[in-house]
Amino acid sequence: MNREKEIYKVTLIGSAGNAVLLTFKFIAGILGHSSAMIADAVHSLSDFVTDLLVLVFVNISSKPQDQSHDYGHGKFETIASFLIGLALVAAATGIVASGILKLLDWWNGNQLETPGWIALWAALLSIIIKELLYQYTSYRGKQLDSSVMIANAWHHRSDALSSIGAALGIGLAILLGQRWTVFDPLASIIVGFMLYKVAYGLLKTSIDELTECSLPTDTEEEIVEIIQSFNDVYEPHNLRTRRIGNRIAIEVHVRMDGQLPLHIVHERATTIERKLKERFGSKTHVTLHMEPVK
């Protein structure tokens, strides 16, 4: 299975869904006089833009190591996840700002238009399609161990959540009458803050990887346990770990009997490396520094 081609296929399916939805949402938002639906359409537009980012950066990140990138190009995938997070922040800011302006208009006595049924139907359709895209993209992202696909899946999920908020606001504004049209911009503001929460999670993960944050404590403990499973290897120390896109790097010092022949020590180091790669993936970067027992 070609990982790059599979990511392309999944992303193209998502982008096709986003293109259809954003067009329908903008039309429904304009014809239905719904700020919540227009805000939801802006979110779908940001989804479409992030799909393009995925397609560009996955092509770069899949390139093998070269003279200028000794550890490969995996972090370009992390950069794509970071940019997706920024796109979510931008979309959320626009949605919240638009909703607040509408809310201020209502507060100052201006009558807001009652949204039409077409806006409600657009929101309900979006919930179904975007949740299906989330489930599909998330499942395939985990299969392919792609952080950028998982990030993009959450972008689909956040759009489904924003459509739920839009549907509630639009539905209440329609059913309760002209006096309660304020529910429409209120729903768009709530949607915006939901997007901020999703964006925070994506940005934190990406920044951790880009700043060489260590792997979680339980993962590091598992690495030490694997090393200590060999009876002739002692005192693993100076453990350093990090992520490089969809793979990890492990650097550690271990001790062995200083009287052992070099080829025995080398064989043991190779066995440990193989064991770690069996657990964490064949592309795991492992560096073992062998020291004599003191």
C-alpha atoms as a PDB file:
ATOM      1  CA  MET A   1       0.000   0.000   0.000  1.00  0.00           C
ATOM      2  CA  ASN A   2       1.430   3.391  -1.048  1.00  0.00           C
ATOM      3  CA  ARG A   3       0.942   5.630   1.988  1.00  0.00           C
ATOM      4  CA  GLU A   4       1.106   8.880   0.013  1.00  0.00           C
ATOM      5  CA  LYS A   5      -1.478   7.719  -2.535  1.00  0.00           C
ATOM      6  CA  GLU A   6      -3.842   6.551   0.206  1.00  0.00           C
ATOM      7  CA  ILE A   7      -3.608   9.931   1.981  1.00  0.00           C
ATOM      8  CA  TYR A   8      -4.256  11.669  -1.342  1.00  0.00           C
ATOM      9  CA  LYS A   9      -7.326   9.505  -1.993  1.00  0.00           C
ATOM     10  CA  VAL A  10      -8.860  10.133   1.430  1.00  0.00           C
ATOM     11  CA  THR A  11      -8.123  13.869   1.243  1.00  0.00           C
ATOM     12  CA  LEU A  12      -9.605  14.205  -2.262  1.00  0.00           C
ATOM     13  CA  ILE A  13     -12.817  12.529  -1.091  1.00  0.00           C
ATOM     14  CA  GLY A  14     -12.992  15.017   1.788  1.00  0.00           C
ATOM     15  CA  SER A  15     -12.237  18.004  -0.445  1.00  0.00           C
ATOM     16  CA  ALA A  16     -14.986  16.984  -2.890  1.00  0.00           C
ATOM     17  CA  GLY A  17     -17.457  16.843   0.007  1.00  0.00           C
ATOM     18  CA  ASN A  18     -16.257  20.216   1.287  1.00  0.00           C
ATOM     19  CA  ALA A  19     -16.561  21.849  -2.153  1.00  0.00           C
ATOM     20  CA  VAL A  20     -20.188  20.719  -2.490  1.00  0.00           C
ATOM     21  CA  LEU A  21     -21.093  21.685   1.082  1.00  0.00           C
ATOM     22  CA  LEU A  22     -19.487  25.122   1.118  1.00  0.00           C
ATOM     23  CA  THR A  23     -21.287  26.050  -2.138  1.00  0.00           C
ATOM     24  CA  PHE A  24     -24.644  24.839  -0.836  1.00  0.00           C
ATOM     25  CA  LYS A  25     -24.122  26.493   2.574  1.00  0.00           C
ATOM     26  CA  PHE A  26     -23.267  29.890   1.103  1.00  0.00           C
ATOM     27  CA  ILE A  27     -26.352  29.743  -1.140  1.00  0.00           C
ATOM     28  CA  ALA A  28     -28.542  28.561   1.759  1.00  0.00           C
ATOM     29  CA  GLY A  29     -27.098  31.194   4.094  1.00  0.00           C
ATOM     30  CA  ILE A  30     -27.733  34.019   1.636  1.00  0.00           C
ATOM     31  CA  LEU A  31     -31.190  32.876   0.514  1.00  0.00           C
ATOM     32  CA  GLY A  32     -32.148  31.888   4.059  1.00  0.00           C
ATOM     33  CA  HIS A  33     -30.831  35.124   5.639  1.00  0.00           C
ATOM     34  CA  SER A  34     -28.850  33.164   8.229  1.00  0.00           C
ATOM     35  CA  SER A  35     -25.597  34.467   9.724  1.00  0.00           C
ATOM     36  CA  ALA A  36     -25.110  31.094  11.462  1.00  0.00           C
ATOM     37  CA  MET A  37     -25.245  29.286   8.107  1.00  0.00           C
ATOM     38  CA  ILE A  38     -22.885  31.777   6.447  1.00  0.00           C
ATOM     39  CA  ALA A  39     -20.503  31.284   9.388  1.00  0.00           C
ATOM     40  CA  ASP A  40     -20.810  27.530   8.886  1.00  0.00           C
ATOM     41  CA  ALA A  41     -20.049  28.018   5.174  1.00  0.00           C
ATOM     42  CA  VAL A  42     -16.879  29.940   6.081  1.00  0.00           C
ATOM     43  CA  HIS A  43     -15.855  26.983   8.214  1.00  0.00           C
ATOM     44  CA  SER A  44     -16.391  24.613   5.289  1.00  0.00           C
ATOM     45  CA  LEU A  45     -14.279  26.943   3.146  1.00  0.00           C
ATOM     46  CA  SER A  46     -11.459  26.672   5.705  1.00  0.00           C
ATOM     47  CA  ASP A  47     -11.867  22.869   5.518  1.00  0.00           C
ATOM     48  CA  PHE A  48     -11.421  23.025   1.746  1.00  0.00           C
ATOM     49  CA  VAL A  49      -8.270  25.162   2.109  1.00  0.00           C
ATOM     50  CA  THR A  50      -6.774  22.749   4.647  1.00  0.00           C
ATOM     51  CA  ASP A  51      -7.424  19.864   2.257  1.00  0.00           C
ATOM     52  CA  LEU A  52      -5.203  21.661  -0.243  1.00  0.00           C
ATOM     53  CA  LEU A  53      -2.553  22.099   2.467  1.00  0.00           C
ATOM     54  CA  VAL A  54      -2.614  18.375   3.193  1.00  0.00           C
ATOM     55  CA  LEU A  55      -2.151  17.513  -0.481  1.00  0.00           C
ATOM     56  CA  VAL A  56       0.856  19.840  -0.788  1.00  0.00           C
ATOM     57  CA  PHE A  57       2.631  18.939   2.445  1.00  0.00           C
ATOM     58  CA  VAL A  58       2.095  15.181   2.304  1.00  0.00           C
ATOM     59  CA  ASN A  59       3.900  15.166  -1.047  1.00  0.00           C
ATOM     60  CA  ILE A  60       6.881  16.888   0.606  1.00  0.00           C
ATOM     61  CA  SER A  61       6.857  14.857   3.838  1.00  0.00           C
ATOM     62  CA  SER A  62       6.870  11.548   1.949  1.00  0.00           C
ATOM     63  CA  LYS A  63      10.246  12.288   0.372  1.00  0.00           C
ATOM     64  CA  PRO A  64      13.123  10.151   1.733  1.00  0.00           C
ATOM     65  CA  GLN A  65      16.079  11.612   3.613  1.00  0.00           C
ATOM     66  CA  ASP A  66      18.595  13.520   1.537  1.00  0.00           C
ATOM     67  CA  GLN A  67      21.797  15.488   2.006  1.00  0.00           C
ATOM     68  CA  SER A  68      20.032  18.468   3.568  1.00  0.00           C
ATOM     69  CA  HIS A  69      17.482  16.451   5.612  1.00  0.00           C
ATOM     70  CA  ASP A  70      19.271  13.618   7.396  1.00  0.00           C
ATOM     71  CA  TYR A  71      16.134  12.677   9.338  1.00  0.00           C
ATOM     72  CA  GLY A  72      13.812  12.846   6.341  1.00  0.00           C
ATOM     73  CA  HIS A  73      10.981  15.307   5.687  1.00  0.00           C
ATOM     74  CA  GLY A  74       8.445  14.026   8.222  1.00  0.00           C
ATOM     75  CA  LYS A  75       8.084  17.340  10.035  1.00  0.00           C
ATOM     76  CA  PHE A  76       6.528  18.932   6.976  1.00  0.00           C
ATOM     77  CA  GLU A  77       3.468  16.881   7.928  1.00  0.00           C
ATOM     78  CA  THR A  78       3.614  18.462  11.394  1.00  0.00           C
ATOM     79  CA  ILE A  79       3.837  21.920   9.794  1.00  0.00           C
ATOM     80  CA  ALA A  80       0.685  21.105   7.808  1.00  0.00           C
ATOM     81  CA  SER A  81      -1.114  20.168  11.053  1.00  0.00           C
ATOM     82  CA  PHE A  82       0.044  23.472  12.570  1.00  0.00           C
ATOM     83  CA  LEU A  83      -1.292  25.437   9.577  1.00  0.00           C
ATOM     84  CA  ILE A  84      -4.613  23.601   9.837  1.00  0.00           C
ATOM     85  CA  GLY A  85      -4.807  24.748  13.465  1.00  0.00           C
ATOM     86  CA  LEU A  86      -4.103  28.341  12.394  1.00  0.00           C
ATOM     87  CA  ALA A  87      -6.786  28.072   9.698  1.00  0.00           C
ATOM     88  CA  LEU A  88      -9.263  26.991  12.373  1.00  0.00           C
ATOM     89  CA  VAL A  89      -8.307  29.969  14.554  1.00  0.00           C
ATOM     90  CA  ALA A  90      -8.825  32.327  11.607  1.00  0.00           C
ATOM     91  CA  ALA A  91     -12.194  30.767  10.763  1.00  0.00           C
ATOM     92  CA  ALA A  92     -13.296  30.891  14.413  1.00  0.00           C
ATOM     93  CA  THR A  93     -12.274  34.550  14.746  1.00  0.00           C
ATOM     94  CA  GLY A  94     -14.264  35.543  11.666  1.00  0.00           C
ATOM     95  CA  ILE A  95     -17.311  33.605  12.861  1.00  0.00           C
ATOM     96  CA  VAL A  96     -17.239  35.068  16.389  1.00  0.00           C
ATOM     97  CA  ALA A  97     -16.683  38.624  15.130  1.00  0.00           C
ATOM     98  CA  SER A  98     -19.590  38.354  12.680  1.00  0.00           C
ATOM     99  CA  GLY A  99     -21.861  36.919  15.362  1.00  0.00           C
ATOM    100  CA  ILE A 100     -20.979  39.647  17.853  1.00  0.00           C
ATOM    101  CA  LEU A 101     -21.758  42.375  15.282  1.00  0.00           C
ATOM    102  CA  LYS A 102     -25.157  40.805  14.617  1.00  0.00           C
ATOM    103  CA  LEU A 103     -25.768  40.505  18.363  1.00  0.00           C
ATOM    104  CA  LEU A 104     -24.930  44.185  18.853  1.00  0.00           C
ATOM    105  CA  ASP A 105     -27.385  45.098  16.094  1.00  0.00           C
ATOM    106  CA  TRP A 106     -30.108  43.155  17.915  1.00  0.00           C
ATOM    107  CA  TRP A 107     -29.152  44.748  21.256  1.00  0.00           C
ATOM    108  CA  ASN A 108     -29.462  48.208  19.709  1.00  0.00           C
ATOM    109  CA  GLY A 109     -33.016  47.459  18.609  1.00  0.00           C
ATOM    110  CA  ASN A 110     -32.431  46.491  15.011  1.00  0.00           C
ATOM    111  CA  GLN A 111     -34.666  43.672  13.838  1.00  0.00           C
ATOM    112  CA  LEU A 112     -32.833  40.590  12.574  1.00  0.00           C
ATOM    113  CA  GLU A 113     -34.259  38.634   9.667  1.00  0.00           C
ATOM    114  CA  THR A 114     -35.790  35.269  10.457  1.00  0.00           C
ATOM    115  CA  PRO A 115     -33.688  32.545   8.800  1.00  0.00           C
ATOM    116  CA  GLY A 116     -35.380  30.392   6.164  1.00  0.00           C
ATOM    117  CA  TRP A 117     -35.954  26.640   6.121  1.00  0.00           C
ATOM    118  CA  ILE A 118     -33.312  26.156   3.431  1.00  0.00           C
ATOM    119  CA  ALA A 119     -30.667  27.206   5.971  1.00  0.00           C
ATOM    120  CA  LEU A 120     -31.914  24.612   8.456  1.00  0.00           C
ATOM    121  CA  TRP A 121     -31.903  21.829   5.853  1.00  0.00           C
ATOM    122  CA  ALA A 122     -28.364  22.814   4.819  1.00  0.00           C
ATOM    123  CA  ALA A 123     -27.204  22.538   8.446  1.00  0.00           C
ATOM    124  CA  LEU A 124     -28.789  19.105   8.897  1.00  0.00           C
ATOM    125  CA  LEU A 125     -27.247  17.822   5.653  1.00  0.00           C
ATOM    126  CA  SER A 126     -23.852  19.153   6.720  1.00  0.00           C
ATOM    127  CA  ILE A 127     -24.030  17.332  10.077  1.00  0.00           C
ATOM    128  CA  ILE A 128     -24.543  13.982   8.336  1.00  0.00           C
ATOM    129  CA  ILE A 129     -21.923  14.412   5.594  1.00  0.00           C
ATOM    130  CA  LYS A 130     -19.221  15.916   7.822  1.00  0.00           C
ATOM    131  CA  GLU A 131     -19.600  13.288  10.548  1.00  0.00           C
ATOM    132  CA  LEU A 132     -19.246  10.554   7.911  1.00  0.00           C
ATOM    133  CA  LEU A 133     -16.124  12.272   6.554  1.00  0.00           C
ATOM    134  CA  TYR A 134     -14.726  12.535  10.097  1.00  0.00           C
ATOM    135  CA  GLN A 135     -15.227   8.833  10.789  1.00  0.00           C
ATOM    136  CA  TYR A 136     -13.686   7.820   7.457  1.00  0.00           C
ATOM    137  CA  THR A 137     -10.701  10.199   7.608  1.00  0.00           C
ATOM    138  CA  SER A 138      -9.951   9.464  11.270  1.00  0.00           C
ATOM    139  CA  TYR A 139     -10.074   5.695  10.688  1.00  0.00           C
ATOM    140  CA  ARG A 140      -7.766   5.879   7.680  1.00  0.00           C
ATOM    141  CA  GLY A 141      -5.484   8.392   9.432  1.00  0.00           C
ATOM    142  CA  LYS A 142      -4.932   5.974  12.313  1.00  0.00           C
ATOM    143  CA  GLN A 143      -4.344   3.120   9.880  1.00  0.00           C
ATOM    144  CA  LEU A 144      -1.730   5.158   7.991  1.00  0.00           C
ATOM    145  CA  ASP A 145      -0.294   6.737  11.179  1.00  0.00           C
ATOM    146  CA  SER A 146      -0.723  10.216   9.694  1.00  0.00           C
ATOM    147  CA  SER A 147      -0.973  13.111  12.165  1.00  0.00           C
ATOM    148  CA  VAL A 148      -2.026  15.520   9.426  1.00  0.00           C
ATOM    149  CA  MET A 149      -4.904  13.236   8.372  1.00  0.00           C
ATOM    150  CA  ILE A 150      -6.085  12.931  11.969  1.00  0.00           C
ATOM    151  CA  ALA A 151      -5.877  16.729  12.299  1.00  0.00           C
ATOM    152  CA  ASN A 152      -7.882  17.084   9.094  1.00  0.00           C
ATOM    153  CA  ALA A 153     -10.417  14.562  10.410  1.00  0.00           C
ATOM    154  CA  TRP A 154     -10.957  16.787  13.434  1.00  0.00           C
ATOM    155  CA  HIS A 155     -11.515  19.658  11.041  1.00  0.00           C
ATOM    156  CA  HIS A 156     -14.375  17.605   9.555  1.00  0.00           C
ATOM    157  CA  ARG A 157     -15.692  16.862  13.073  1.00  0.00           C
ATOM    158  CA  SER A 158     -15.490  20.531  14.074  1.00  0.00           C
ATOM    159  CA  ASP A 159     -17.537  21.414  10.983  1.00  0.00           C
ATOM    160  CA  ALA A 160     -20.149  18.821  12.000  1.00  0.00           C
ATOM    161  CA  LEU A 161     -20.235  20.356  15.494  1.00  0.00           C
ATOM    162  CA  SER A 162     -20.557  23.859  14.069  1.00  0.00           C
ATOM    163  CA  SER A 163     -23.448  22.655  11.907  1.00  0.00           C
ATOM    164  CA  ILE A 164     -25.162  21.272  15.037  1.00  0.00           C
ATOM    165  CA  GLY A 165     -24.845  24.701  16.658  1.00  0.00           C
ATOM    166  CA  ALA A 166     -26.081  26.374  13.486  1.00  0.00           C
ATOM    167  CA  ALA A 167     -29.031  23.979  13.204  1.00  0.00           C
ATOM    168  CA  LEU A 168     -30.067  24.664  16.814  1.00  0.00           C
ATOM    169  CA  GLY A 169     -29.815  28.430  16.387  1.00  0.00           C
ATOM    170  CA  ILE A 170     -31.597  28.473  13.042  1.00  0.00           C
ATOM    171  CA  GLY A 171     -34.271  26.023  14.220  1.00  0.00           C
ATOM    172  CA  LEU A 172     -35.044  28.024  17.376  1.00  0.00           C
ATOM    173  CA  ALA A 173     -35.115  31.291  15.441  1.00  0.00           C
ATOM    174  CA  ILE A 174     -37.602  29.798  12.952  1.00  0.00           C
ATOM    175  CA  LEU A 175     -39.844  27.981  15.448  1.00  0.00           C
ATOM    176  CA  LEU A 176     -39.998  30.684  18.160  1.00  0.00           C
ATOM    177  CA  GLY A 177     -40.663  33.575  15.793  1.00  0.00           C
ATOM    178  CA  GLN A 178     -39.311  37.034  15.040  1.00  0.00           C
ATOM    179  CA  ARG A 179     -38.553  37.966  18.666  1.00  0.00           C
ATOM    180  CA  TRP A 180     -36.016  35.138  18.971  1.00  0.00           C
ATOM    181  CA  THR A 181     -34.020  35.601  15.790  1.00  0.00           C
ATOM    182  CA  VAL A 182     -31.108  36.423  18.111  1.00  0.00           C
ATOM    183  CA  PHE A 183     -30.563  32.661  18.467  1.00  0.00           C
ATOM    184  CA  ASP A 184     -29.066  32.638  14.969  1.00  0.00           C
ATOM    185  CA  PRO A 185     -26.016  34.888  15.712  1.00  0.00           C
ATOM    186  CA  LEU A 186     -25.745  33.381  19.216  1.00  0.00           C
ATOM    187  CA  ALA A 187     -25.349  29.966  17.613  1.00  0.00           C
ATOM    188  CA  SER A 188     -22.609  31.277  15.324  1.00  0.00           C
ATOM    189  CA  ILE A 189     -20.668  32.659  18.323  1.00  0.00           C
ATOM    190  CA  ILE A 190     -20.926  29.320  20.163  1.00  0.00           C
ATOM    191  CA  VAL A 191     -19.720  27.567  17.018  1.00  0.00           C
ATOM    192  CA  GLY A 192     -16.726  29.907  16.885  1.00  0.00           C
ATOM    193  CA  PHE A 193     -15.652  29.088  20.435  1.00  0.00           C
ATOM    194  CA  MET A 194     -16.022  25.377  19.750  1.00  0.00           C
ATOM    195  CA  LEU A 195     -13.583  25.844  16.875  1.00  0.00           C
ATOM    196  CA  TYR A 196     -11.121  27.632  19.161  1.00  0.00           C
ATOM    197  CA  LYS A 197     -11.081  24.582  21.427  1.00  0.00           C
ATOM    198  CA  VAL A 198     -10.337  22.197  18.551  1.00  0.00           C
ATOM    199  CA  ALA A 199      -7.667  24.548  17.177  1.00  0.00           C
ATOM    200  CA  TYR A 200      -5.949  24.710  20.571  1.00  0.00           C
ATOM    201  CA  GLY A 201      -5.548  20.932  20.651  1.00  0.00           C
ATOM    202  CA  LEU A 202      -4.113  20.802  17.125  1.00  0.00           C
ATOM    203  CA  LEU A 203      -1.721  23.707  17.699  1.00  0.00           C
ATOM    204  CA  LYS A 204      -0.472  22.330  21.015  1.00  0.00           C
ATOM    205  CA  THR A 205       0.336  18.923  19.496  1.00  0.00           C
ATOM    206  CA  SER A 206       2.061  20.492  16.488  1.00  0.00           C
ATOM    207  CA  ILE A 207       4.083  22.950  18.571  1.00  0.00           C
ATOM    208  CA  ASP A 208       5.171  20.141  20.900  1.00  0.00           C
ATOM    209  CA  GLU A 209       6.542  18.215  17.913  1.00  0.00           C
ATOM    210  CA  LEU A 210       8.177  21.222  16.277  1.00  0.00           C
ATOM    211  CA  THR A 211       9.893  22.184  19.544  1.00  0.00           C
ATOM    212  CA  GLU A 212      11.230  18.634  20.069  1.00  0.00           C
ATOM    213  CA  CYS A 213       8.948  17.800  22.982  1.00  0.00           C
ATOM    214  CA  SER A 214       9.686  14.378  24.488  1.00  0.00           C
ATOM    215  CA  LEU A 215       7.318  11.464  24.007  1.00  0.00           C
ATOM    216  CA  PRO A 216       4.769  10.803  26.795  1.00  0.00           C
ATOM    217  CA  THR A 217       6.140   9.349  30.042  1.00  0.00           C
ATOM    218  CA  ASP A 218       4.381   6.001  29.573  1.00  0.00           C
ATOM    219  CA  THR A 219       5.978   5.611  26.122  1.00  0.00           C
ATOM    220  CA  GLU A 220       9.442   6.348  27.513  1.00  0.00           C
ATOM    221  CA  GLU A 221       8.849   3.866  30.327  1.00  0.00           C
ATOM    222  CA  GLU A 222       7.925   1.219  27.753  1.00  0.00           C
ATOM    223  CA  ILE A 223      11.159   1.919  25.849  1.00  0.00           C
ATOM    224  CA  VAL A 224      13.172   1.384  29.034  1.00  0.00           C
ATOM    225  CA  GLU A 225      11.272  -1.848  29.769  1.00  0.00           C
ATOM    226  CA  ILE A 226      12.107  -3.217  26.309  1.00  0.00           C
ATOM    227  CA  ILE A 227      15.800  -2.437  26.813  1.00  0.00           C
ATOM    228  CA  GLN A 228      15.844  -3.944  30.306  1.00  0.00           C
ATOM    229  CA  SER A 229      14.263  -7.159  29.003  1.00  0.00           C
ATOM    230  CA  PHE A 230      17.771  -8.172  27.883  1.00  0.00           C
ATOM    231  CA  ASN A 231      19.648  -9.671  30.850  1.00  0.00           C
ATOM    232  CA  ASP A 232      23.095  -8.575  29.673  1.00  0.00           C
ATOM    233  CA  VAL A 233      22.142  -4.904  29.261  1.00  0.00           C
ATOM    234  CA  TYR A 234      22.219  -2.587  32.272  1.00  0.00           C
ATOM    235  CA  GLU A 235      21.285   0.921  33.385  1.00  0.00           C
ATOM    236  CA  PRO A 236      19.625   2.583  30.389  1.00  0.00           C
ATOM    237  CA  HIS A 237      20.142   6.321  30.883  1.00  0.00           C
ATOM    238  CA  ASN A 238      20.249   9.676  29.053  1.00  0.00           C
ATOM    239  CA  LEU A 239      17.084   8.682  27.192  1.00  0.00           C
ATOM    240  CA  ARG A 240      15.992  11.252  24.621  1.00  0.00           C
ATOM    241  CA  THR A 241      12.852  10.920  22.498  1.00  0.00           C
ATOM    242  CA  ARG A 242      10.938  12.997  19.980  1.00  0.00           C
ATOM    243  CA  ARG A 243       8.537  12.740  17.056  1.00  0.00           C
ATOM    244  CA  ILE A 244       9.539  13.280  13.424  1.00  0.00           C
ATOM    245  CA  GLY A 245       6.232  13.442  11.558  1.00  0.00           C
ATOM    246  CA  ASN A 246       4.683   9.968  11.658  1.00  0.00           C
ATOM    247  CA  ARG A 247       7.732   8.272  13.223  1.00  0.00           C
ATOM    248  CA  ILE A 248       9.705   8.639  16.425  1.00  0.00           C
ATOM    249  CA  ALA A 249      13.379   8.995  17.323  1.00  0.00           C
ATOM    250  CA  ILE A 250      14.987   7.269  20.322  1.00  0.00           C
ATOM    251  CA  GLU A 251      18.467   7.990  21.653  1.00  0.00           C
ATOM    252  CA  VAL A 252      19.717   6.200  24.772  1.00  0.00           C
ATOM    253  CA  HIS A 253      22.903   5.153  26.581  1.00  0.00           C
ATOM    254  CA  VAL A 254      23.170   1.585  27.941  1.00  0.00           C
ATOM    255  CA  ARG A 255      25.870  -0.404  29.709  1.00  0.00           C
ATOM    256  CA  MET A 256      27.267  -3.896  29.007  1.00  0.00           C
ATOM    257  CA  ASP A 257      30.158  -5.945  30.330  1.00  0.00           C
ATOM    258  CA  GLY A 258      33.334  -4.188  29.160  1.00  0.00           C
ATOM    259  CA  GLN A 259      35.120  -7.526  28.671  1.00  0.00           C
ATOM    260  CA  LEU A 260      32.734  -8.679  25.940  1.00  0.00           C
ATOM    261  CA  PRO A 261      34.044  -8.755  22.339  1.00  0.00           C
ATOM    262  CA  LEU A 262      32.970  -5.841  20.154  1.00  0.00           C
ATOM    263  CA  HIS A 263      30.973  -8.064  17.779  1.00  0.00           C
ATOM    264  CA  ILE A 264      28.859  -9.369  20.703  1.00  0.00           C
ATOM    265  CA  VAL A 265      28.103  -5.835  21.850  1.00  0.00           C
ATOM    266  CA  HIS A 266      27.236  -4.863  18.285  1.00  0.00           C
ATOM    267  CA  GLU A 267      24.886  -7.832  17.911  1.00  0.00           C
ATOM    268  CA  ARG A 268      23.107  -6.939  21.133  1.00  0.00           C
ATOM    269  CA  ALA A 269      22.696  -3.311  20.032  1.00  0.00           C
ATOM    270  CA  THR A 270      21.243  -4.510  16.711  1.00  0.00           C
ATOM    271  CA  THR A 271      18.815  -6.830  18.518  1.00  0.00           C
ATOM    272  CA  ILE A 272      17.610  -4.007  20.790  1.00  0.00           C
ATOM    273  CA  GLU A 273      17.163  -1.729  17.782  1.00  0.00           C
ATOM    274  CA  ARG A 274      15.146  -4.410  15.972  1.00  0.00           C
ATOM    275  CA  LYS A 275      12.951  -4.940  19.043  1.00  0.00           C
ATOM    276  CA  LEU A 276      12.211  -1.212  19.350  1.00  0.00           C
ATOM    277  CA  LYS A 277      11.362  -0.979  15.650  1.00  0.00           C
ATOM    278  CA  GLU A 278       9.018  -3.953  15.947  1.00  0.00           C
ATOM    279  CA  ARG A 279       7.139  -2.089  18.671  1.00  0.00           C
ATOM    280  CA  PHE A 280       7.223   1.509  17.392  1.00  0.00           C
ATOM    281  CA  GLY A 281       7.478   1.073  13.608  1.00  0.00           C
ATOM    282  CA  SER A 282      10.104   0.113  11.072  1.00  0.00           C
ATOM    283  CA  LYS A 283      10.974   3.772  10.407  1.00  0.00           C
ATOM    284  CA  THR A 284      11.827   4.474  14.050  1.00  0.00           C
ATOM    285  CA  HIS A 285      15.195   6.195  14.363  1.00  0.00           C
ATOM    286  CA  VAL A 286      17.213   4.417  17.096  1.00  0.00           C
ATOM    287  CA  THR A 287      20.631   5.496  18.375  1.00  0.00           C
ATOM    288  CA  LEU A 288      22.273   3.354  21.076  1.00  0.00           C
ATOM    289  CA  HIS A 289      25.433   4.465  22.845  1.00  0.00           C
ATOM    290  CA  MET A 290      27.130   1.457  24.463  1.00  0.00           C
ATOM    291  CA  GLU A 291      29.215   1.947  27.613  1.00  0.00           C
ATOM    292  CA  PRO A 292      31.156  -0.512  29.830  1.00  0.00           C
ATOM    293  CA  VAL A 293      29.699  -1.378  33.225  1.00  0.00           C
ATOM    294  CA  LYS A 294      31.471   0.643  35.915  1.00  0.00           C
END
